[in-house]
């Protein structure tokens, strides 16, 4: 009887081990598939735009809090981001436009370039572009 119990435990352990290997193989296959999908559908420019957007939001928050001696008289609002067709010109919208001084624009742009480490000669960032 003791040998029969021992064999049963060994079979259970082997089934558990096989299940673990199967689960690992499925997990690895899923990870490779997702990685391949993301690499095929998102370019370097898409990642840069996402990084610029996050940095712009942070820069507006910092400007509103008086960081670096910037003291806007009103609360600045991050309005969004757009880009040119080739994704090399990035436009950031901040409201109210009349309160965005050149000092604030310079701070936001330099903050974005410094935190994202993007190439300034490759990507042009503009705050509140004029609509003519």
Protein backbone atom coordinates (compact mmCIF):
# COMPACT_ATOMS: atom_id res chain seq x y z
CA UNK A 1 0.00 0.00 0.00
CA UNK A 2 2.83 2.36 0.84
CA UNK A 3 4.42 1.88 -2.63
CA UNK A 4 1.10 2.59 -4.34
CA UNK A 5 0.77 5.91 -2.47
CA UNK A 6 4.34 6.82 -3.38
CA UNK A 7 3.68 6.16 -7.09
CA UNK A 8 0.50 8.22 -7.00
CA UNK A 9 2.40 11.19 -5.51
CA UNK A 10 5.10 10.88 -8.17
CA UNK A 11 2.50 10.94 -10.95
CA UNK A 12 0.86 14.02 -9.44
CA UNK A 13 4.22 15.76 -9.21
CA UNK A 14 5.03 14.90 -12.83
CA UNK A 15 1.65 16.19 -14.03
CA UNK A 16 2.22 19.40 -12.06
CA UNK A 17 5.69 19.79 -13.60
CA UNK A 18 4.35 19.17 -17.12
CA UNK A 19 1.60 21.71 -16.53
CA UNK A 20 4.20 24.24 -15.37
CA UNK A 21 6.24 23.73 -18.55
CA UNK A 22 3.12 24.03 -20.70
CA UNK A 23 2.08 27.22 -18.90
CA UNK A 24 5.59 28.65 -19.31
CA UNK A 25 5.59 27.85 -23.04
CA UNK A 26 2.20 29.54 -23.52
CA UNK A 27 3.34 32.57 -21.54
CA UNK A 28 6.56 32.86 -23.54
CA UNK A 29 4.71 32.53 -26.85
CA UNK A 30 2.25 35.22 -25.79
CA UNK A 31 5.04 37.56 -24.76
CA UNK A 32 6.89 37.11 -28.06
CA UNK A 33 3.68 37.64 -30.04
CA UNK A 34 2.80 40.84 -28.17
CA UNK A 35 6.35 42.15 -28.51
CA UNK A 36 6.35 41.47 -32.24
CA UNK A 37 2.95 43.16 -32.66
CA UNK A 38 4.08 46.27 -30.79
CA UNK A 39 7.35 46.54 -32.67
CA UNK A 40 5.57 46.29 -36.02
CA UNK A 41 2.81 48.80 -35.22
CA UNK A 42 4.63 51.52 -33.30
CA UNK A 43 7.56 53.42 -34.71
CA UNK A 44 10.28 55.34 -32.91
CA UNK A 45 8.39 58.54 -33.71
CA UNK A 46 5.27 57.25 -31.94
CA UNK A 47 7.29 56.56 -28.81
CA UNK A 48 8.87 60.03 -29.01
CA UNK A 49 5.45 61.68 -29.30
CA UNK A 50 4.22 59.76 -26.27
CA UNK A 51 7.30 60.78 -24.28
CA UNK A 52 6.93 64.42 -25.35
CA UNK A 53 3.28 64.45 -24.32
CA UNK A 54 4.07 63.07 -20.86
CA UNK A 55 6.93 65.54 -20.39
CA UNK A 56 4.73 68.46 -21.55
CA UNK A 57 2.05 67.57 -19.01
CA UNK A 58 4.68 67.41 -16.27
CA UNK A 59 6.22 70.73 -17.36
CA UNK A 60 2.83 72.46 -17.19
CA UNK A 61 2.27 71.07 -13.70
CA UNK A 62 5.73 72.29 -12.65
CA UNK A 63 5.10 75.73 -14.17
CA UNK A 64 1.80 75.98 -12.28
CA UNK A 65 3.55 75.12 -9.02
CA UNK A 66 6.09 77.91 -9.41
CA UNK A 67 9.02 75.63 -10.25
CA UNK A 68 12.19 77.35 -11.48
CA UNK A 69 10.86 80.80 -10.53
CA UNK A 70 8.00 80.63 -13.02
CA UNK A 71 4.92 82.25 -11.57
CA UNK A 72 1.99 82.37 -13.97
CA UNK A 73 -0.84 84.60 -12.78
CA UNK A 74 -3.38 81.97 -13.79
CA UNK A 75 -3.54 78.21 -13.83
CA UNK A 76 -2.13 76.91 -17.10
CA UNK A 77 -4.03 74.07 -18.72
CA UNK A 78 -2.44 71.45 -20.94
CA UNK A 79 -4.75 71.35 -23.97
CA UNK A 80 -3.21 68.58 -26.03
CA UNK A 81 -0.66 67.71 -28.65
CA UNK A 82 -0.62 67.38 -32.42
CA UNK A 83 2.09 66.65 -34.96
CA UNK A 84 2.95 66.97 -38.60
CA UNK A 85 2.48 64.13 -41.05
CA UNK A 86 6.13 63.11 -40.81
CA UNK A 87 5.92 63.33 -36.97
CA UNK A 88 8.96 65.62 -36.81
CA UNK A 89 7.09 68.83 -35.89
CA UNK A 90 5.26 68.52 -32.58
CA UNK A 91 2.75 71.14 -31.44
CA UNK A 92 1.72 71.55 -27.81
CA UNK A 93 -1.34 73.56 -26.82
CA UNK A 94 -1.55 75.35 -23.50
CA UNK A 95 -4.37 77.62 -22.33
CA UNK A 96 -4.93 80.47 -21.78
CA UNK A 97 -2.69 81.41 -24.69
CA UNK A 98 -2.40 85.05 -23.65
CA UNK A 99 -0.77 84.04 -20.34
CA UNK A 100 1.88 81.77 -21.85
CA UNK A 101 4.93 84.01 -21.78
CA UNK A 102 8.15 83.38 -23.73
CA UNK A 103 9.75 82.41 -20.39
CA UNK A 104 7.10 79.70 -19.86
CA UNK A 105 7.44 78.47 -23.46
CA UNK A 106 11.23 78.24 -23.11
CA UNK A 107 10.93 76.38 -19.81
CA UNK A 108 8.46 73.82 -21.19
CA UNK A 109 10.45 73.21 -24.37
CA UNK A 110 13.77 72.87 -22.53
CA UNK A 111 12.15 70.60 -19.93
CA UNK A 112 10.82 68.34 -22.69
CA UNK A 113 14.17 68.14 -24.49
CA UNK A 114 16.06 67.54 -21.23
CA UNK A 115 13.81 64.82 -19.87
CA UNK A 116 13.12 62.93 -23.09
CA UNK A 117 16.66 63.20 -24.47
CA UNK A 118 15.29 63.53 -28.02
CA UNK A 119 17.41 64.99 -30.79
CA UNK A 120 16.63 68.72 -31.09
CA UNK A 121 17.72 68.81 -34.71
CA UNK A 122 15.36 65.95 -35.58
CA UNK A 123 12.23 67.04 -33.69
CA UNK A 124 10.89 70.58 -33.55
CA UNK A 125 8.60 71.40 -30.62
CA UNK A 126 6.32 74.42 -30.78
CA UNK A 127 4.09 75.76 -28.01
CA UNK A 128 0.75 77.23 -29.14
CA UNK A 129 1.53 77.53 -32.86
CA UNK A 130 -0.09 80.46 -34.58
CA UNK A 131 -3.00 79.54 -36.83
CA UNK A 132 -2.65 81.67 -39.92
